[in-house]
Amino acid sequence: DGYFYQRVSECRYSSKDLQGIEFIDSYVFNQAENIRFNSTVGKFVGYTELGVKNAEAWNKGPELAGELGELERFCKHNADLHYST
């Protein structure tokens, strides 16, 4: 009954080297991932018809610059906290 929207942002730490950090930002609607930003790929990728359209638009707009900054702002900034736990 109704719609389900979820956004999941995560940092994946594969080594203590700051170059081994990956930022993933996924947009999910009704349990289907529509679009994902991956810092390793460096752009949005769509997985549904709507997601592909959004990815094309977001890769040309200010959304891409905002996501590219999250690796530095969110993941690398918190790397010491992650490794200390």
PDB file of N, CA and C in Angstrom:
ATOM      1  N   ASP A   1       0.839  -1.171   0.000  1.00  0.00           N
ATOM      2  CA  ASP A   1       0.000   0.000   0.000  1.00  0.00           C
ATOM      3  C   ASP A   1       0.886   1.237   0.000  1.00  0.00           C
ATOM      4  N   GLY A   2       0.980   1.916  -1.092  1.00  0.00           N
ATOM      5  CA  GLY A   2       1.801   3.103  -1.168  1.00  0.00           C
ATOM      6  C   GLY A   2       3.113   2.823  -1.880  1.00  0.00           C
ATOM      7  N   TYR A   3       4.002   3.786  -1.783  1.00  0.00           N
ATOM      8  CA  TYR A   3       5.284   3.705  -2.477  1.00  0.00           C
ATOM      9  C   TYR A   3       6.413   3.681  -1.466  1.00  0.00           C
ATOM     10  N   PHE A   4       7.511   3.088  -1.875  1.00  0.00           N
ATOM     11  CA  PHE A   4       8.682   2.978  -1.014  1.00  0.00           C
ATOM     12  C   PHE A   4       9.866   3.609  -1.727  1.00  0.00           C
ATOM     13  N   TYR A   5      10.459   4.623  -1.112  1.00  0.00           N
ATOM     14  CA  TYR A   5      11.645   5.288  -1.657  1.00  0.00           C
ATOM     15  C   TYR A   5      12.772   5.165  -0.645  1.00  0.00           C
ATOM     16  N   GLN A   6      13.948   4.864  -1.126  1.00  0.00           N
ATOM     17  CA  GLN A   6      15.099   4.719  -0.247  1.00  0.00           C
ATOM     18  C   GLN A   6      16.339   5.236  -0.961  1.00  0.00           C
ATOM     19  N   ARG A   7      17.176   5.921  -0.219  1.00  0.00           N
ATOM     20  CA  ARG A   7      18.467   6.362  -0.733  1.00  0.00           C
ATOM     21  C   ARG A   7      19.520   5.827   0.223  1.00  0.00           C
ATOM     22  N   VAL A   8      20.481   5.106  -0.316  1.00  0.00           N
ATOM     23  CA  VAL A   8      21.527   4.502   0.499  1.00  0.00           C
ATOM     24  C   VAL A   8      22.873   5.056   0.042  1.00  0.00           C
ATOM     25  N   SER A   9      23.569   5.713   0.956  1.00  0.00           N
ATOM     26  CA  SER A   9      24.913   6.226   0.683  1.00  0.00           C
ATOM     27  C   SER A   9      25.885   5.464   1.561  1.00  0.00           C
ATOM     28  N   GLU A  10      26.942   4.965   0.959  1.00  0.00           N
ATOM     29  CA  GLU A  10      27.901   4.188   1.739  1.00  0.00           C
ATOM     30  C   GLU A  10      29.321   4.389   1.236  1.00  0.00           C
ATOM     31  N   CYS A  11      30.252   4.209   2.155  1.00  0.00           N
ATOM     32  CA  CYS A  11      31.676   4.219   1.818  1.00  0.00           C
ATOM     33  C   CYS A  11      32.178   2.788   1.955  1.00  0.00           C
ATOM     34  N   ARG A  12      32.915   2.352   0.970  1.00  0.00           N
ATOM     35  CA  ARG A  12      33.522   1.018   1.033  1.00  0.00           C
ATOM     36  C   ARG A  12      35.021   1.203   1.158  1.00  0.00           C
ATOM     37  N   TYR A  13      35.536   0.683   2.251  1.00  0.00           N
ATOM     38  CA  TYR A  13      36.959   0.806   2.551  1.00  0.00           C
ATOM     39  C   TYR A  13      37.630  -0.539   2.275  1.00  0.00           C
ATOM     40  N   SER A  14      38.498  -0.592   1.280  1.00  0.00           N
ATOM     41  CA  SER A  14      39.149  -1.856   0.946  1.00  0.00           C
ATOM     42  C   SER A  14      40.574  -1.934   1.493  1.00  0.00           C
ATOM     43  N   SER A  15      41.134  -0.809   1.886  1.00  0.00           N
ATOM     44  CA  SER A  15      42.476  -0.797   2.465  1.00  0.00           C
ATOM     45  C   SER A  15      42.648   0.492   3.250  1.00  0.00           C
ATOM     46  N   LYS A  16      43.714   0.590   4.008  1.00  0.00           N
ATOM     47  CA  LYS A  16      43.958   1.814   4.772  1.00  0.00           C
ATOM     48  C   LYS A  16      44.454   2.941   3.885  1.00  0.00           C
ATOM     49  N   ASP A  17      44.812   2.618   2.667  1.00  0.00           N
ATOM     50  CA  ASP A  17      45.216   3.621   1.690  1.00  0.00           C
ATOM     51  C   ASP A  17      43.980   4.419   1.280  1.00  0.00           C
ATOM     52  N   LEU A  18      44.033   5.730   1.338  1.00  0.00           N
ATOM     53  CA  LEU A  18      42.879   6.547   1.004  1.00  0.00           C
ATOM     54  C   LEU A  18      42.460   6.390  -0.454  1.00  0.00           C
ATOM     55  N   GLN A  19      43.334   5.858  -1.285  1.00  0.00           N
ATOM     56  CA  GLN A  19      42.974   5.631  -2.691  1.00  0.00           C
ATOM     57  C   GLN A  19      42.063   4.415  -2.838  1.00  0.00           C
ATOM     58  N   GLY A  20      41.988   3.570  -1.812  1.00  0.00           N
ATOM     59  CA  GLY A  20      41.172   2.365  -1.865  1.00  0.00           C
ATOM     60  C   GLY A  20      39.760   2.565  -1.349  1.00  0.00           C
ATOM     61  N   ILE A  21      39.292   3.800  -1.280  1.00  0.00           N
ATOM     62  CA  ILE A  21      37.955   4.091  -0.773  1.00  0.00           C
ATOM     63  C   ILE A  21      37.019   4.332  -1.952  1.00  0.00           C
ATOM     64  N   GLU A  22      35.815   3.789  -1.830  1.00  0.00           N
ATOM     65  CA  GLU A  22      34.807   3.927  -2.877  1.00  0.00           C
ATOM     66  C   GLU A  22      33.518   4.472  -2.259  1.00  0.00           C
ATOM     67  N   PHE A  23      32.914   5.457  -2.903  1.00  0.00           N
ATOM     68  CA  PHE A  23      31.649   6.027  -2.455  1.00  0.00           C
ATOM     69  C   PHE A  23      30.543   5.550  -3.385  1.00  0.00           C
ATOM     70  N   ILE A  24      29.472   4.982  -2.804  1.00  0.00           N
ATOM     71  CA  ILE A  24      28.318   4.486  -3.551  1.00  0.00           C
ATOM     72  C   ILE A  24      27.073   5.219  -3.051  1.00  0.00           C
ATOM     73  N   ASP A  25      26.276   5.733  -3.961  1.00  0.00           N
ATOM     74  CA  ASP A  25      25.020   6.408  -3.613  1.00  0.00           C
ATOM     75  C   ASP A  25      23.927   5.810  -4.493  1.00  0.00           C
ATOM     76  N   SER A  26      23.020   5.037  -3.888  1.00  0.00           N
ATOM     77  CA  SER A  26      21.982   4.317  -4.622  1.00  0.00           C
ATOM     78  C   SER A  26      20.605   4.914  -4.347  1.00  0.00           C
ATOM     79  N   TYR A  27      19.798   4.985  -5.388  1.00  0.00           N
ATOM     80  CA  TYR A  27      18.428   5.469  -5.299  1.00  0.00           C
ATOM     81  C   TYR A  27      17.502   4.308  -5.642  1.00  0.00           C
ATOM     82  N   VAL A  28      16.627   3.953  -4.696  1.00  0.00           N
ATOM     83  CA  VAL A  28      15.769   2.774  -4.825  1.00  0.00           C
ATOM     84  C   VAL A  28      14.311   3.216  -4.748  1.00  0.00           C
ATOM     85  N   PHE A  29      13.483   2.683  -5.651  1.00  0.00           N
ATOM     86  CA  PHE A  29      12.057   2.953  -5.625  1.00  0.00           C
ATOM     87  C   PHE A  29      11.320   1.623  -5.736  1.00  0.00           C
ATOM     88  N   ASN A  30      10.465   1.353  -4.758  1.00  0.00           N
ATOM     89  CA  ASN A  30       9.715   0.085  -4.699  1.00  0.00           C
ATOM     90  C   ASN A  30      10.638  -1.127  -4.853  1.00  0.00           C
ATOM     91  N   GLN A  31      11.713  -1.123  -4.109  1.00  0.00           N
ATOM     92  CA  GLN A  31      12.687  -2.205  -4.000  1.00  0.00           C
ATOM     93  C   GLN A  31      13.491  -2.454  -5.273  1.00  0.00           C
ATOM     94  N   ALA A  32      13.438  -1.548  -6.228  1.00  0.00           N
ATOM     95  CA  ALA A  32      14.243  -1.669  -7.439  1.00  0.00           C
ATOM     96  C   ALA A  32      15.224  -0.503  -7.491  1.00  0.00           C
ATOM     97  N   GLU A  33      16.498  -0.811  -7.623  1.00  0.00           N
ATOM     98  CA  GLU A  33      17.491   0.253  -7.730  1.00  0.00           C
ATOM     99  C   GLU A  33      17.353   0.905  -9.102  1.00  0.00           C
ATOM    100  N   ASN A  34      17.089   2.209  -9.099  1.00  0.00           N
ATOM    101  CA  ASN A  34      16.900   2.945 -10.346  1.00  0.00           C
ATOM    102  C   ASN A  34      18.190   3.539 -10.872  1.00  0.00           C
ATOM    103  N   ILE A  35      18.974   4.076  -9.958  1.00  0.00           N
ATOM    104  CA  ILE A  35      20.167   4.812 -10.362  1.00  0.00           C
ATOM    105  C   ILE A  35      21.217   4.704  -9.267  1.00  0.00           C
ATOM    106  N   ARG A  36      22.478   4.725  -9.672  1.00  0.00           N
ATOM    107  CA  ARG A  36      23.572   4.629  -8.707  1.00  0.00           C
ATOM    108  C   ARG A  36      24.729   5.516  -9.151  1.00  0.00           C
ATOM    109  N   PHE A  37      25.305   6.205  -8.170  1.00  0.00           N
ATOM    110  CA  PHE A  37      26.568   6.904  -8.398  1.00  0.00           C
ATOM    111  C   PHE A  37      27.661   6.062  -7.754  1.00  0.00           C
ATOM    112  N   ASN A  38      28.724   5.835  -8.484  1.00  0.00           N
ATOM    113  CA  ASN A  38      29.876   5.093  -7.976  1.00  0.00           C
ATOM    114  C   ASN A  38      31.107   5.951  -8.234  1.00  0.00           C
ATOM    115  N   SER A  39      31.856   6.277  -7.184  1.00  0.00           N
ATOM    116  CA  SER A  39      33.015   7.154  -7.349  1.00  0.00           C
ATOM    117  C   SER A  39      34.105   6.514  -8.201  1.00  0.00           C
ATOM    118  N   THR A  40      34.168   5.193  -8.241  1.00  0.00           N
ATOM    119  CA  THR A  40      35.159   4.520  -9.080  1.00  0.00           C
ATOM    120  C   THR A  40      34.822   4.721 -10.559  1.00  0.00           C
ATOM    121  N   VAL A  41      33.544   4.655 -10.892  1.00  0.00           N
ATOM    122  CA  VAL A  41      33.094   4.882 -12.269  1.00  0.00           C
ATOM    123  C   VAL A  41      33.124   6.380 -12.570  1.00  0.00           C
ATOM    124  N   GLY A  42      32.788   7.199 -11.562  1.00  0.00           N
ATOM    125  CA  GLY A  42      32.837   8.648 -11.705  1.00  0.00           C
ATOM    126  C   GLY A  42      31.609   9.273 -12.325  1.00  0.00           C
ATOM    127  N   LYS A  43      30.502   8.529 -12.358  1.00  0.00           N
ATOM    128  CA  LYS A  43      29.267   9.071 -12.917  1.00  0.00           C
ATOM    129  C   LYS A  43      28.076   8.262 -12.420  1.00  0.00           C
ATOM    130  N   PHE A  44      26.880   8.771 -12.734  1.00  0.00           N
ATOM    131  CA  PHE A  44      25.648   8.060 -12.434  1.00  0.00           C
ATOM    132  C   PHE A  44      25.398   7.010 -13.505  1.00  0.00           C
ATOM    133  N   VAL A  45      24.851   5.871 -13.079  1.00  0.00           N
ATOM    134  CA  VAL A  45      24.461   4.802 -13.998  1.00  0.00           C
ATOM    135  C   VAL A  45      23.015   4.441 -13.690  1.00  0.00           C
ATOM    136  N   GLY A  46      22.191   4.376 -14.729  1.00  0.00           N
ATOM    137  CA  GLY A  46      20.789   4.022 -14.564  1.00  0.00           C
ATOM    138  C   GLY A  46      20.558   2.544 -14.801  1.00  0.00           C
ATOM    139  N   TYR A  47      19.621   1.962 -14.052  1.00  0.00           N
ATOM    140  CA  TYR A  47      19.309   0.536 -14.158  1.00  0.00           C
ATOM    141  C   TYR A  47      17.882   0.274 -14.622  1.00  0.00           C
ATOM    142  N   THR A  48      17.078   1.315 -14.710  1.00  0.00           N
ATOM    143  CA  THR A  48      15.711   1.207 -15.211  1.00  0.00           C
ATOM    144  C   THR A  48      15.557   2.283 -16.286  1.00  0.00           C
ATOM    145  N   GLU A  49      14.431   2.268 -16.966  1.00  0.00           N
ATOM    146  CA  GLU A  49      14.209   3.278 -18.009  1.00  0.00           C
ATOM    147  C   GLU A  49      14.283   4.692 -17.431  1.00  0.00           C
ATOM    148  N   LEU A  50      13.604   4.907 -16.311  1.00  0.00           N
ATOM    149  CA  LEU A  50      13.655   6.212 -15.658  1.00  0.00           C
ATOM    150  C   LEU A  50      15.061   6.509 -15.133  1.00  0.00           C
ATOM    151  N   GLY A  51      15.719   5.493 -14.579  1.00  0.00           N
ATOM    152  CA  GLY A  51      17.069   5.683 -14.064  1.00  0.00           C
ATOM    153  C   GLY A  51      18.058   6.082 -15.138  1.00  0.00           C
ATOM    154  N   VAL A  52      17.936   5.509 -16.326  1.00  0.00           N
ATOM    155  CA  VAL A  52      18.822   5.859 -17.440  1.00  0.00           C
ATOM    156  C   VAL A  52      18.619   7.320 -17.838  1.00  0.00           C
ATOM    157  N   LYS A  53      17.357   7.755 -17.901  1.00  0.00           N
ATOM    158  CA  LYS A  53      17.067   9.155 -18.237  1.00  0.00           C
ATOM    159  C   LYS A  53      17.630  10.101 -17.181  1.00  0.00           C
ATOM    160  N   ASN A  54      17.421   9.750 -15.909  1.00  0.00           N
ATOM    161  CA  ASN A  54      17.949  10.594 -14.828  1.00  0.00           C
ATOM    162  C   ASN A  54      19.472  10.611 -14.852  1.00  0.00           C
ATOM    163  N   ALA A  55      20.094   9.475 -15.083  1.00  0.00           N
ATOM    164  CA  ALA A  55      21.562   9.408 -15.112  1.00  0.00           C
ATOM    165  C   ALA A  55      22.116  10.326 -16.195  1.00  0.00           C
ATOM    166  N   GLU A  56      21.507  10.308 -17.362  1.00  0.00           N
ATOM    167  CA  GLU A  56      21.965  11.181 -18.444  1.00  0.00           C
ATOM    168  C   GLU A  56      21.873  12.651 -18.044  1.00  0.00           C
ATOM    169  N   ALA A  57      20.765  13.030 -17.434  1.00  0.00           N
ATOM    170  CA  ALA A  57      20.576  14.421 -17.018  1.00  0.00           C
ATOM    171  C   ALA A  57      21.506  14.788 -15.869  1.00  0.00           C
ATOM    172  N   TRP A  58      21.601  13.929 -14.874  1.00  0.00           N
ATOM    173  CA  TRP A  58      22.419  14.226 -13.694  1.00  0.00           C
ATOM    174  C   TRP A  58      23.902  14.257 -14.025  1.00  0.00           C
ATOM    175  N   ASN A  59      24.341  13.480 -14.995  1.00  0.00           N
ATOM    176  CA  ASN A  59      25.758  13.500 -15.381  1.00  0.00           C
ATOM    177  C   ASN A  59      26.134  14.791 -16.099  1.00  0.00           C
ATOM    178  N   LYS A  60      25.144  15.544 -16.579  1.00  0.00           N
ATOM    179  CA  LYS A  60      25.389  16.824 -17.256  1.00  0.00           C
ATOM    180  C   LYS A  60      25.127  18.018 -16.341  1.00  0.00           C
ATOM    181  N   GLY A  61      24.577  17.777 -15.170  1.00  0.00           N
ATOM    182  CA  GLY A  61      24.170  18.863 -14.292  1.00  0.00           C
ATOM    183  C   GLY A  61      25.014  18.979 -13.033  1.00  0.00           C
ATOM    184  N   PRO A  62      24.578  19.822 -12.105  1.00  0.00           N
ATOM    185  CA  PRO A  62      25.327  20.057 -10.865  1.00  0.00           C
ATOM    186  C   PRO A  62      25.306  18.850  -9.919  1.00  0.00           C
ATOM    187  N   GLU A  63      24.411  17.906 -10.153  1.00  0.00           N
ATOM    188  CA  GLU A  63      24.336  16.717  -9.294  1.00  0.00           C
ATOM    189  C   GLU A  63      25.649  15.932  -9.320  1.00  0.00           C
ATOM    190  N   LEU A  64      26.283  15.867 -10.488  1.00  0.00           N
ATOM    191  CA  LEU A  64      27.528  15.101 -10.611  1.00  0.00           C
ATOM    192  C   LEU A  64      28.639  15.719  -9.768  1.00  0.00           C
ATOM    193  N   ALA A  65      28.790  17.028  -9.819  1.00  0.00           N
ATOM    194  CA  ALA A  65      29.824  17.693  -9.028  1.00  0.00           C
ATOM    195  C   ALA A  65      29.596  17.472  -7.538  1.00  0.00           C
ATOM    196  N   GLY A  66      28.344  17.501  -7.119  1.00  0.00           N
ATOM    197  CA  GLY A  66      28.025  17.255  -5.715  1.00  0.00           C
ATOM    198  C   GLY A  66      28.405  15.862  -5.276  1.00  0.00           C
ATOM    199  N   GLU A  67      28.135  14.877  -6.108  1.00  0.00           N
ATOM    200  CA  GLU A  67      28.476  13.492  -5.768  1.00  0.00           C
ATOM    201  C   GLU A  67      29.987  13.287  -5.771  1.00  0.00           C
ATOM    202  N   LEU A  68      30.682  13.887  -6.712  1.00  0.00           N
ATOM    203  CA  LEU A  68      32.138  13.727  -6.774  1.00  0.00           C
ATOM    204  C   LEU A  68      32.799  14.267  -5.503  1.00  0.00           C
ATOM    205  N   GLY A  69      32.225  15.290  -4.906  1.00  0.00           N
ATOM    206  CA  GLY A  69      32.765  15.855  -3.684  1.00  0.00           C
ATOM    207  C   GLY A  69      32.515  15.009  -2.447  1.00  0.00           C
ATOM    208  N   GLU A  70      31.543  14.108  -2.499  1.00  0.00           N
ATOM    209  CA  GLU A  70      31.207  13.293  -1.330  1.00  0.00           C
ATOM    210  C   GLU A  70      32.322  12.318  -0.951  1.00  0.00           C
ATOM    211  N   LEU A  71      33.074  11.845  -1.901  1.00  0.00           N
ATOM    212  CA  LEU A  71      34.188  10.943  -1.588  1.00  0.00           C
ATOM    213  C   LEU A  71      35.162  11.629  -0.639  1.00  0.00           C
ATOM    214  N   GLU A  72      35.503  12.864  -0.924  1.00  0.00           N
ATOM    215  CA  GLU A  72      36.413  13.627  -0.060  1.00  0.00           C
ATOM    216  C   GLU A  72      35.735  14.038   1.240  1.00  0.00           C
ATOM    217  N   ARG A  73      34.541  14.624   1.119  1.00  0.00           N
ATOM    218  CA  ARG A  73      33.852  15.193   2.275  1.00  0.00           C
ATOM    219  C   ARG A  73      33.385  14.148   3.270  1.00  0.00           C
ATOM    220  N   PHE A  74      32.837  13.074   2.783  1.00  0.00           N
ATOM    221  CA  PHE A  74      32.192  12.084   3.652  1.00  0.00           C
ATOM    222  C   PHE A  74      33.100  10.891   3.926  1.00  0.00           C
ATOM    223  N   CYS A  75      33.616  10.262   2.897  1.00  0.00           N
ATOM    224  CA  CYS A  75      34.362   9.010   3.081  1.00  0.00           C
ATOM    225  C   CYS A  75      35.773   9.233   3.622  1.00  0.00           C
ATOM    226  N   LYS A  76      36.542  10.042   2.932  1.00  0.00           N
ATOM    227  CA  LYS A  76      37.935  10.234   3.363  1.00  0.00           C
ATOM    228  C   LYS A  76      38.010  10.964   4.695  1.00  0.00           C
ATOM    229  N   HIS A  77      37.061  11.872   4.919  1.00  0.00           N
ATOM    230  CA  HIS A  77      37.019  12.610   6.188  1.00  0.00           C
ATOM    231  C   HIS A  77      36.784  11.665   7.369  1.00  0.00           C
ATOM    232  N   ASN A  78      36.006  10.608   7.162  1.00  0.00           N
ATOM    233  CA  ASN A  78      35.677   9.667   8.234  1.00  0.00           C
ATOM    234  C   ASN A  78      36.497   8.388   8.216  1.00  0.00           C
ATOM    235  N   ALA A  79      37.516   8.321   7.388  1.00  0.00           N
ATOM    236  CA  ALA A  79      38.312   7.100   7.257  1.00  0.00           C
ATOM    237  C   ALA A  79      38.984   6.721   8.582  1.00  0.00           C
ATOM    238  N   ASP A  80      39.546   7.685   9.291  1.00  0.00           N
ATOM    239  CA  ASP A  80      40.206   7.376  10.570  1.00  0.00           C
ATOM    240  C   ASP A  80      39.216   6.783  11.556  1.00  0.00           C
ATOM    241  N   LEU A  81      38.013   7.281  11.599  1.00  0.00           N
ATOM    242  CA  LEU A  81      36.986   6.754  12.482  1.00  0.00           C
ATOM    243  C   LEU A  81      36.643   5.310  12.099  1.00  0.00           C
ATOM    244  N   HIS A  82      36.524   5.047  10.833  1.00  0.00           N
ATOM    245  CA  HIS A  82      36.224   3.700  10.357  1.00  0.00           C
ATOM    246  C   HIS A  82      37.334   2.711  10.750  1.00  0.00           C
ATOM    247  N   TYR A  83      38.577   3.100  10.518  1.00  0.00           N
ATOM    248  CA  TYR A  83      39.685   2.189  10.790  1.00  0.00           C
ATOM    249  C   TYR A  83      39.947   2.002  12.284  1.00  0.00           C
ATOM    250  N   SER A  84      39.515   2.952  13.111  1.00  0.00           N
ATOM    251  CA  SER A  84      39.762   2.820  14.543  1.00  0.00           C
ATOM    252  C   SER A  84      38.759   1.889  15.230  1.00  0.00           C
ATOM    253  N   THR A  85      37.674   1.527  14.556  1.00  0.00           N
ATOM    254  CA  THR A  85      36.675   0.660  15.172  1.00  0.00           C
ATOM    255  C   THR A  85      36.847  -0.785  14.768  1.00  0.00           C
TER     256      THR A  85
END
